[in-house]
Amino acid sequence: MRLFCLPYSGGSAMIYARWRRLLPSWIDVRPVEWPGRGARMDEPLVTDPRALASQLARELGGQLDAPYALFGHSLGAVIAFELAHNLLDRGAPAPAILFASGAEAPAVRDGSRWRQPLSDEALLRELRNLRGTPEEVLANAELMRSALPVLRADFLMCGAYVYRPRQPLPCPVHVFGGVDDETSREALQAWGRETSASFTLHMLPGHHFFIHTQQAELIELIGTALAQQSGRSIGLHRSEDHERVLRPATH
């Protein structure tokens, strides 16, 4: 089973680096890098979500000779949704599961606030509101000079997204939300309309970046869902890394 993981706004494939060690070995974790960051830093940034989904479908098309699933967090969930449809339109098999994390359902998204480029100051305010970036990182001017253009492009991509009604996906959709995130339960439940198969919603403790703060529980849920879908044993790794995630320090 291949698990293609799409990053959130401003993120890169590196956010999934540890997942390879934390999920069982029969799950082949493949973080997906978007243009303009990480290993693809030399490529131009993309601000059109449909263009990005189409590009990723072309790039991943040769890797679908085995069962696969898609995971995306926040903007990454929307791109994963569009990617699934794009792959189906190209005649590819459907994903075993679409995992959508920390994102309103595409049909109820309102990206109007992101349609114009945000200033550096406005971007920093947004980062603080999301509570996922340490203050010492935000105060690092050199680091922000490289990070803010990526974030600005991704926010423009949020603003450019237009939902297009289509036939529901023929695969199960598993959705994750943070109890303290501003994304409402109703907006998460609306993902259920995007599948003709099963729908599951899991609410985890934490704010928008529960993908990091609740990583152990999230990994368990993903591994269990993929095991049930493929008839395998979950068999999560019990490496030192995994033990640290399961039992975080209490001091």
C-alpha atoms as a PDB file:
ATOM      1  CA  MET A   1       0.000   0.000   0.000  1.00  0.00           C
ATOM      2  CA  ARG A   2       1.408   3.369  -1.037  1.00  0.00           C
ATOM      3  CA  LEU A   3       0.423   6.419   0.979  1.00  0.00           C
ATOM      4  CA  PHE A   4       0.936   9.714  -0.842  1.00  0.00           C
ATOM      5  CA  CYS A   5       1.039  12.587   1.672  1.00  0.00           C
ATOM      6  CA  LEU A   6       0.392  16.195   0.661  1.00  0.00           C
ATOM      7  CA  PRO A   7       1.577  19.115   2.833  1.00  0.00           C
ATOM      8  CA  TYR A   8      -0.349  22.037   4.286  1.00  0.00           C
ATOM      9  CA  SER A   9       0.076  25.693   3.293  1.00  0.00           C
ATOM     10  CA  GLY A  10       3.683  26.768   3.662  1.00  0.00           C
ATOM     11  CA  GLY A  11       4.800  23.208   4.334  1.00  0.00           C
ATOM     12  CA  SER A  12       6.892  20.728   2.405  1.00  0.00           C
ATOM     13  CA  ALA A  13       7.226  16.981   2.072  1.00  0.00           C
ATOM     14  CA  MET A  14       9.562  17.029   5.090  1.00  0.00           C
ATOM     15  CA  ILE A  15       6.627  17.236   7.511  1.00  0.00           C
ATOM     16  CA  TYR A  16       6.006  13.542   6.787  1.00  0.00           C
ATOM     17  CA  ALA A  17       9.621  12.401   7.131  1.00  0.00           C
ATOM     18  CA  ARG A  18       8.999  10.496  10.388  1.00  0.00           C
ATOM     19  CA  TRP A  19       5.884   8.731   9.135  1.00  0.00           C
ATOM     20  CA  ARG A  20       7.997   6.180   7.285  1.00  0.00           C
ATOM     21  CA  ARG A  21       9.352   4.975  10.629  1.00  0.00           C
ATOM     22  CA  LEU A  22       6.068   5.174  12.508  1.00  0.00           C
ATOM     23  CA  LEU A  23       3.773   3.299  10.130  1.00  0.00           C
ATOM     24  CA  PRO A  24       4.130  -0.443   9.408  1.00  0.00           C
ATOM     25  CA  SER A  25       6.564  -1.449   6.713  1.00  0.00           C
ATOM     26  CA  TRP A  26       3.842  -2.630   4.323  1.00  0.00           C
ATOM     27  CA  ILE A  27       2.702   1.013   4.043  1.00  0.00           C
ATOM     28  CA  ASP A  28       5.047   2.757   1.620  1.00  0.00           C
ATOM     29  CA  VAL A  29       4.892   6.399   2.718  1.00  0.00           C
ATOM     30  CA  ARG A  30       5.582   8.740  -0.204  1.00  0.00           C
ATOM     31  CA  PRO A  31       5.575  12.430   0.767  1.00  0.00           C
ATOM     32  CA  VAL A  32       4.619  14.587  -2.205  1.00  0.00           C
ATOM     33  CA  GLU A  33       6.690  17.718  -2.769  1.00  0.00           C
ATOM     34  CA  TRP A  34       5.024  20.689  -4.419  1.00  0.00           C
ATOM     35  CA  PRO A  35       6.937  22.994  -6.779  1.00  0.00           C
ATOM     36  CA  GLY A  36       8.850  25.876  -5.227  1.00  0.00           C
ATOM     37  CA  ARG A  37       9.891  24.251  -1.938  1.00  0.00           C
ATOM     38  CA  GLY A  38      12.134  21.563  -0.513  1.00  0.00           C
ATOM     39  CA  ALA A  39      13.720  19.416  -3.202  1.00  0.00           C
ATOM     40  CA  ARG A  40      11.798  21.422  -5.847  1.00  0.00           C
ATOM     41  CA  MET A  41      12.948  24.835  -4.660  1.00  0.00           C
ATOM     42  CA  ASP A  42      14.171  25.810  -8.132  1.00  0.00           C
ATOM     43  CA  GLU A  43      10.728  25.382  -9.697  1.00  0.00           C
ATOM     44  CA  PRO A  44       8.197  28.232  -9.790  1.00  0.00           C
ATOM     45  CA  LEU A  45       5.519  28.344  -7.107  1.00  0.00           C
ATOM     46  CA  VAL A  46       1.984  27.403  -8.140  1.00  0.00           C
ATOM     47  CA  THR A  47      -1.095  29.467  -7.245  1.00  0.00           C
ATOM     48  CA  ASP A  48      -3.706  27.542  -9.264  1.00  0.00           C
ATOM     49  CA  PRO A  49      -5.023  24.504  -7.329  1.00  0.00           C
ATOM     50  CA  ARG A  50      -6.441  22.787 -10.411  1.00  0.00           C
ATOM     51  CA  ALA A  51      -3.130  23.197 -12.232  1.00  0.00           C
ATOM     52  CA  LEU A  52      -1.277  21.724  -9.258  1.00  0.00           C
ATOM     53  CA  ALA A  53      -3.631  18.735  -9.038  1.00  0.00           C
ATOM     54  CA  SER A  54      -3.224  18.113 -12.763  1.00  0.00           C
ATOM     55  CA  GLN A  55       0.568  18.346 -12.531  1.00  0.00           C
ATOM     56  CA  LEU A  56       0.684  15.956  -9.573  1.00  0.00           C
ATOM     57  CA  ALA A  57      -1.596  13.500 -11.382  1.00  0.00           C
ATOM     58  CA  ARG A  58       0.840  13.415 -14.288  1.00  0.00           C
ATOM     59  CA  GLU A  59       3.800  12.971 -11.963  1.00  0.00           C
ATOM     60  CA  LEU A  60       2.227  10.244  -9.818  1.00  0.00           C
ATOM     61  CA  GLY A  61       0.544   8.358 -12.638  1.00  0.00           C
ATOM     62  CA  GLY A  62       3.494   6.001 -13.060  1.00  0.00           C
ATOM     63  CA  GLN A  63       3.477   5.094  -9.355  1.00  0.00           C
ATOM     64  CA  LEU A  64      -0.036   3.622  -9.236  1.00  0.00           C
ATOM     65  CA  ASP A  65       0.859   0.022 -10.083  1.00  0.00           C
ATOM     66  CA  ALA A  66      -0.010  -0.905  -6.486  1.00  0.00           C
ATOM     67  CA  PRO A  67      -2.931   0.007  -4.203  1.00  0.00           C
ATOM     68  CA  TYR A  68      -2.583   3.539  -2.894  1.00  0.00           C
ATOM     69  CA  ALA A  69      -4.167   6.074  -0.562  1.00  0.00           C
ATOM     70  CA  LEU A  70      -4.020   9.857  -0.367  1.00  0.00           C
ATOM     71  CA  PHE A  71      -3.527  11.992   2.748  1.00  0.00           C
ATOM     72  CA  GLY A  72      -3.603  15.767   2.911  1.00  0.00           C
ATOM     73  CA  HIS A  73      -3.794  18.286   5.727  1.00  0.00           C
ATOM     74  CA  SER A  74      -5.545  21.668   5.363  1.00  0.00           C
ATOM     75  CA  LEU A  75      -4.900  22.915   1.809  1.00  0.00           C
ATOM     76  CA  GLY A  76      -3.267  19.551   1.169  1.00  0.00           C
ATOM     77  CA  ALA A  77      -6.619  17.841   1.795  1.00  0.00           C
ATOM     78  CA  VAL A  78      -8.279  19.916  -0.917  1.00  0.00           C
ATOM     79  CA  ILE A  79      -5.451  19.208  -3.361  1.00  0.00           C
ATOM     80  CA  ALA A  80      -5.669  15.494  -2.485  1.00  0.00           C
ATOM     81  CA  PHE A  81      -9.406  15.594  -3.270  1.00  0.00           C
ATOM     82  CA  GLU A  82      -8.782  17.261  -6.629  1.00  0.00           C
ATOM     83  CA  LEU A  83      -5.904  14.865  -7.295  1.00  0.00           C
ATOM     84  CA  ALA A  84      -8.183  11.863  -6.703  1.00  0.00           C
ATOM     85  CA  HIS A  85     -10.695  13.176  -9.236  1.00  0.00           C
ATOM     86  CA  ASN A  86      -7.936  14.038 -11.694  1.00  0.00           C
ATOM     87  CA  LEU A  87      -6.481  10.543 -11.481  1.00  0.00           C
ATOM     88  CA  LEU A  88      -9.906   8.975 -12.026  1.00  0.00           C
ATOM     89  CA  ASP A  89     -10.464  11.208 -15.047  1.00  0.00           C
ATOM     90  CA  ARG A  90      -7.197   9.856 -16.462  1.00  0.00           C
ATOM     91  CA  GLY A  91      -8.356   6.273 -16.063  1.00  0.00           C
ATOM     92  CA  ALA A  92      -6.295   5.493 -12.966  1.00  0.00           C
ATOM     93  CA  PRO A  93      -7.689   3.273 -10.213  1.00  0.00           C
ATOM     94  CA  ALA A  94      -9.375   4.983  -7.299  1.00  0.00           C
ATOM     95  CA  PRO A  95      -7.429   5.403  -4.068  1.00  0.00           C
ATOM     96  CA  ALA A  96      -8.126   2.839  -1.380  1.00  0.00           C
ATOM     97  CA  ILE A  97      -8.912   5.720   0.996  1.00  0.00           C
ATOM     98  CA  LEU A  98      -8.853   9.492   0.846  1.00  0.00           C
ATOM     99  CA  PHE A  99      -7.689  10.925   4.186  1.00  0.00           C
ATOM    100  CA  ALA A 100      -8.673  14.589   4.606  1.00  0.00           C
ATOM    101  CA  SER A 101      -7.289  16.325   7.677  1.00  0.00           C
ATOM    102  CA  GLY A 102      -7.932  19.775   9.147  1.00  0.00           C
ATOM    103  CA  ALA A 103      -9.960  21.089   6.217  1.00  0.00           C
ATOM    104  CA  GLU A 104     -13.539  22.065   5.477  1.00  0.00           C
ATOM    105  CA  ALA A 105     -15.214  20.003   2.786  1.00  0.00           C
ATOM    106  CA  PRO A 106     -14.539  21.462  -0.667  1.00  0.00           C
ATOM    107  CA  ALA A 107     -18.212  22.294  -1.244  1.00  0.00           C
ATOM    108  CA  VAL A 108     -18.406  24.562   1.810  1.00  0.00           C
ATOM    109  CA  ARG A 109     -15.011  26.244   1.637  1.00  0.00           C
ATOM    110  CA  ASP A 110     -14.903  30.028   1.453  1.00  0.00           C
ATOM    111  CA  GLY A 111     -11.491  31.224   0.317  1.00  0.00           C
ATOM    112  CA  SER A 112     -12.531  34.785  -0.503  1.00  0.00           C
ATOM    113  CA  ARG A 113     -10.243  36.260   2.149  1.00  0.00           C
ATOM    114  CA  TRP A 114      -7.215  34.789   0.365  1.00  0.00           C
ATOM    115  CA  ARG A 115      -7.857  36.053  -3.162  1.00  0.00           C
ATOM    116  CA  GLN A 116      -5.437  38.967  -2.889  1.00  0.00           C
ATOM    117  CA  PRO A 117      -1.751  38.624  -1.927  1.00  0.00           C
ATOM    118  CA  LEU A 118      -1.178  39.190   1.786  1.00  0.00           C
ATOM    119  CA  SER A 119       1.566  41.438   3.106  1.00  0.00           C
ATOM    120  CA  ASP A 120       4.359  39.970   5.209  1.00  0.00           C
ATOM    121  CA  GLU A 121       2.724  41.424   8.319  1.00  0.00           C
ATOM    122  CA  ALA A 122      -0.639  39.842   7.487  1.00  0.00           C
ATOM    123  CA  LEU A 123       0.999  36.484   6.805  1.00  0.00           C
ATOM    124  CA  LEU A 124       2.757  36.577  10.166  1.00  0.00           C
ATOM    125  CA  ARG A 125      -0.561  37.341  11.872  1.00  0.00           C
ATOM    126  CA  GLU A 126      -2.117  34.334  10.170  1.00  0.00           C
ATOM    127  CA  LEU A 127       0.732  32.102  11.306  1.00  0.00           C
ATOM    128  CA  ARG A 128       0.295  33.266  14.880  1.00  0.00           C
ATOM    129  CA  ASN A 129      -3.448  32.664  14.718  1.00  0.00           C
ATOM    130  CA  LEU A 130      -2.885  29.107  13.506  1.00  0.00           C
ATOM    131  CA  ARG A 131      -0.589  28.446  16.499  1.00  0.00           C
ATOM    132  CA  GLY A 132       1.648  26.067  14.606  1.00  0.00           C
ATOM    133  CA  THR A 133       4.873  28.082  14.331  1.00  0.00           C
ATOM    134  CA  PRO A 134       7.135  28.840  17.322  1.00  0.00           C
ATOM    135  CA  GLU A 135       7.615  32.538  18.036  1.00  0.00           C
ATOM    136  CA  GLU A 136      11.389  32.227  17.693  1.00  0.00           C
ATOM    137  CA  VAL A 137      10.872  30.991  14.131  1.00  0.00           C
ATOM    138  CA  LEU A 138       8.524  33.875  13.331  1.00  0.00           C
ATOM    139  CA  ALA A 139      11.130  36.286  14.689  1.00  0.00           C
ATOM    140  CA  ASN A 140      13.870  34.869  12.443  1.00  0.00           C
ATOM    141  CA  ALA A 141      13.906  37.393   9.589  1.00  0.00           C
ATOM    142  CA  GLU A 142      16.189  35.325   7.352  1.00  0.00           C
ATOM    143  CA  LEU A 143      14.029  32.225   7.692  1.00  0.00           C
ATOM    144  CA  MET A 144      10.854  34.200   7.083  1.00  0.00           C
ATOM    145  CA  ARG A 145      12.281  35.710   3.906  1.00  0.00           C
ATOM    146  CA  SER A 146      12.336  32.254   2.350  1.00  0.00           C
ATOM    147  CA  ALA A 147       9.149  30.956   3.979  1.00  0.00           C
ATOM    148  CA  LEU A 148       6.719  33.826   3.374  1.00  0.00           C
ATOM    149  CA  PRO A 149       6.713  33.682  -0.460  1.00  0.00           C
ATOM    150  CA  VAL A 150       5.746  30.008  -0.267  1.00  0.00           C
ATOM    151  CA  LEU A 151       3.013  30.741   2.248  1.00  0.00           C
ATOM    152  CA  ARG A 152       1.735  33.675   0.186  1.00  0.00           C
ATOM    153  CA  ALA A 153       1.470  31.494  -2.926  1.00  0.00           C
ATOM    154  CA  ASP A 154      -0.334  28.780  -0.986  1.00  0.00           C
ATOM    155  CA  PHE A 155      -2.825  31.251   0.475  1.00  0.00           C
ATOM    156  CA  LEU A 156      -3.482  32.530  -3.052  1.00  0.00           C
ATOM    157  CA  MET A 157      -4.122  28.919  -4.017  1.00  0.00           C
ATOM    158  CA  CYS A 158      -6.697  28.724  -1.211  1.00  0.00           C
ATOM    159  CA  GLY A 159      -8.356  31.836  -2.599  1.00  0.00           C
ATOM    160  CA  ALA A 160      -8.320  30.541  -6.166  1.00  0.00           C
ATOM    161  CA  TYR A 161     -10.041  27.262  -5.349  1.00  0.00           C
ATOM    162  CA  VAL A 162     -13.476  26.835  -6.926  1.00  0.00           C
ATOM    163  CA  TYR A 163     -15.503  23.745  -6.089  1.00  0.00           C
ATOM    164  CA  ARG A 164     -16.944  21.818  -9.038  1.00  0.00           C
ATOM    165  CA  PRO A 165     -19.750  19.322  -8.303  1.00  0.00           C
ATOM    166  CA  ARG A 166     -18.927  15.867  -9.667  1.00  0.00           C
ATOM    167  CA  GLN A 167     -19.847  12.267  -9.072  1.00  0.00           C
ATOM    168  CA  PRO A 168     -18.861  11.239  -5.539  1.00  0.00           C
ATOM    169  CA  LEU A 169     -15.559   9.433  -5.181  1.00  0.00           C
ATOM    170  CA  PRO A 170     -15.931   5.633  -5.161  1.00  0.00           C
ATOM    171  CA  CYS A 171     -13.520   5.263  -2.223  1.00  0.00           C
ATOM    172  CA  PRO A 172     -13.951   5.662   1.541  1.00  0.00           C
ATOM    173  CA  VAL A 173     -13.242   9.128   2.918  1.00  0.00           C
ATOM    174  CA  HIS A 174     -11.736   9.430   6.396  1.00  0.00           C
ATOM    175  CA  VAL A 175     -11.698  12.924   7.875  1.00  0.00           C
ATOM    176  CA  PHE A 176      -9.751  14.229  10.875  1.00  0.00           C
ATOM    177  CA  GLY A 177     -10.486  17.424  12.755  1.00  0.00           C
ATOM    178  CA  GLY A 178      -9.088  19.255  15.770  1.00  0.00           C
ATOM    179  CA  VAL A 179     -11.450  19.867  18.678  1.00  0.00           C
ATOM    180  CA  ASP A 180     -10.039  23.373  19.169  1.00  0.00           C
ATOM    181  CA  ASP A 181      -9.621  24.196  15.480  1.00  0.00           C
ATOM    182  CA  GLU A 182     -11.863  26.898  14.022  1.00  0.00           C
ATOM    183  CA  THR A 183     -13.042  24.440  11.352  1.00  0.00           C
ATOM    184  CA  SER A 184     -16.531  23.386  12.441  1.00  0.00           C
ATOM    185  CA  ARG A 185     -17.731  19.814  12.798  1.00  0.00           C
ATOM    186  CA  GLU A 186     -20.463  20.567  10.248  1.00  0.00           C
ATOM    187  CA  ALA A 187     -17.873  21.660   7.675  1.00  0.00           C
ATOM    188  CA  LEU A 188     -15.936  18.451   8.302  1.00  0.00           C
ATOM    189  CA  GLN A 189     -19.042  16.276   8.065  1.00  0.00           C
ATOM    190  CA  ALA A 190     -19.803  17.797   4.659  1.00  0.00           C
ATOM    191  CA  TRP A 191     -16.967  15.642   3.281  1.00  0.00           C
ATOM    192  CA  GLY A 192     -19.447  12.769   3.543  1.00  0.00           C
ATOM    193  CA  ARG A 193     -21.214  14.060   0.444  1.00  0.00           C
ATOM    194  CA  GLU A 194     -18.036  13.513  -1.605  1.00  0.00           C
ATOM    195  CA  THR A 195     -18.049   9.711  -1.398  1.00  0.00           C
ATOM    196  CA  SER A 196     -20.356   6.929  -2.526  1.00  0.00           C
ATOM    197  CA  ALA A 197     -18.519   4.598  -0.135  1.00  0.00           C
ATOM    198  CA  SER A 198     -18.078   4.915   3.630  1.00  0.00           C
ATOM    199  CA  PHE A 199     -17.383   8.117   5.546  1.00  0.00           C
ATOM    200  CA  THR A 200     -15.667   8.429   8.917  1.00  0.00           C
ATOM    201  CA  LEU A 201     -14.978  11.515  11.030  1.00  0.00           C
ATOM    202  CA  HIS A 202     -12.439  11.475  13.866  1.00  0.00           C
ATOM    203  CA  MET A 203     -12.083  14.482  16.184  1.00  0.00           C
ATOM    204  CA  LEU A 204      -8.687  14.735  17.873  1.00  0.00           C
ATOM    205  CA  PRO A 205      -7.608  17.000  20.742  1.00  0.00           C
ATOM    206  CA  GLY A 206      -5.829  20.161  19.701  1.00  0.00           C
ATOM    207  CA  HIS A 207      -5.953  23.104  17.340  1.00  0.00           C
ATOM    208  CA  HIS A 208      -5.267  23.260  13.598  1.00  0.00           C
ATOM    209  CA  PHE A 209      -1.884  21.553  13.855  1.00  0.00           C
ATOM    210  CA  PHE A 210      -3.111  18.444  15.669  1.00  0.00           C
ATOM    211  CA  ILE A 211      -1.288  16.670  12.821  1.00  0.00           C
ATOM    212  CA  HIS A 212       1.835  17.297  14.925  1.00  0.00           C
ATOM    213  CA  THR A 213       0.555  17.526  18.499  1.00  0.00           C
ATOM    214  CA  GLN A 214      -1.570  14.358  18.163  1.00  0.00           C
ATOM    215  CA  GLN A 215       0.715  12.536  15.754  1.00  0.00           C
ATOM    216  CA  ALA A 216       0.612   9.215  17.625  1.00  0.00           C
ATOM    217  CA  GLU A 217      -3.179   8.958  17.596  1.00  0.00           C
ATOM    218  CA  LEU A 218      -3.366  10.136  13.992  1.00  0.00           C
ATOM    219  CA  ILE A 219      -0.803   7.539  12.883  1.00  0.00           C
ATOM    220  CA  GLU A 220      -2.726   4.798  14.700  1.00  0.00           C
ATOM    221  CA  LEU A 221      -5.984   5.801  12.991  1.00  0.00           C
ATOM    222  CA  ILE A 222      -4.414   5.921   9.530  1.00  0.00           C
ATOM    223  CA  GLY A 223      -2.635   2.599   9.975  1.00  0.00           C
ATOM    224  CA  THR A 224      -5.763   0.909  11.321  1.00  0.00           C
ATOM    225  CA  ALA A 225      -7.916   2.209   8.457  1.00  0.00           C
ATOM    226  CA  LEU A 226      -5.437   1.030   5.825  1.00  0.00           C
ATOM    227  CA  ALA A 227      -5.086  -2.350   7.542  1.00  0.00           C
ATOM    228  CA  GLN A 228      -8.847  -2.858   7.593  1.00  0.00           C
ATOM    229  CA  GLN A 229      -9.151  -1.768   3.969  1.00  0.00           C
ATOM    230  CA  SER A 230      -6.430  -4.153   2.788  1.00  0.00           C
ATOM    231  CA  GLY A 231      -7.093  -7.048   5.162  1.00  0.00           C
ATOM    232  CA  ARG A 232      -3.753  -6.746   6.952  1.00  0.00           C
ATOM    233  CA  SER A 233      -2.559  -6.601  10.526  1.00  0.00           C
ATOM    234  CA  ILE A 234      -1.860  -3.069  11.723  1.00  0.00           C
ATOM    235  CA  GLY A 235       1.587  -4.047  13.081  1.00  0.00           C
ATOM    236  CA  LEU A 236       2.755  -0.517  13.918  1.00  0.00           C
ATOM    237  CA  HIS A 237       6.499  -0.156  14.387  1.00  0.00           C
ATOM    238  CA  ARG A 238       7.656  -0.017  18.006  1.00  0.00           C
ATOM    239  CA  SER A 239      10.837   1.863  17.313  1.00  0.00           C
ATOM    240  CA  GLU A 240      12.352   4.306  19.773  1.00  0.00           C
ATOM    241  CA  ASP A 241      10.866   7.119  17.692  1.00  0.00           C
ATOM    242  CA  HIS A 242       7.413   5.583  17.944  1.00  0.00           C
ATOM    243  CA  GLU A 243       7.689   5.163  21.694  1.00  0.00           C
ATOM    244  CA  ARG A 244       8.624   8.835  22.064  1.00  0.00           C
ATOM    245  CA  VAL A 245       5.549   9.830  20.068  1.00  0.00           C
ATOM    246  CA  LEU A 246       3.250   7.568  22.063  1.00  0.00           C
ATOM    247  CA  ARG A 247       4.604   8.720  25.415  1.00  0.00           C
ATOM    248  CA  PRO A 248       5.554  12.395  25.163  1.00  0.00           C
ATOM    249  CA  ALA A 249       7.535  13.958  27.969  1.00  0.00           C
ATOM    250  CA  THR A 250       5.405  15.263  30.827  1.00  0.00           C
ATOM    251  CA  HIS A 251       7.824  17.946  31.961  1.00  0.00           C
END
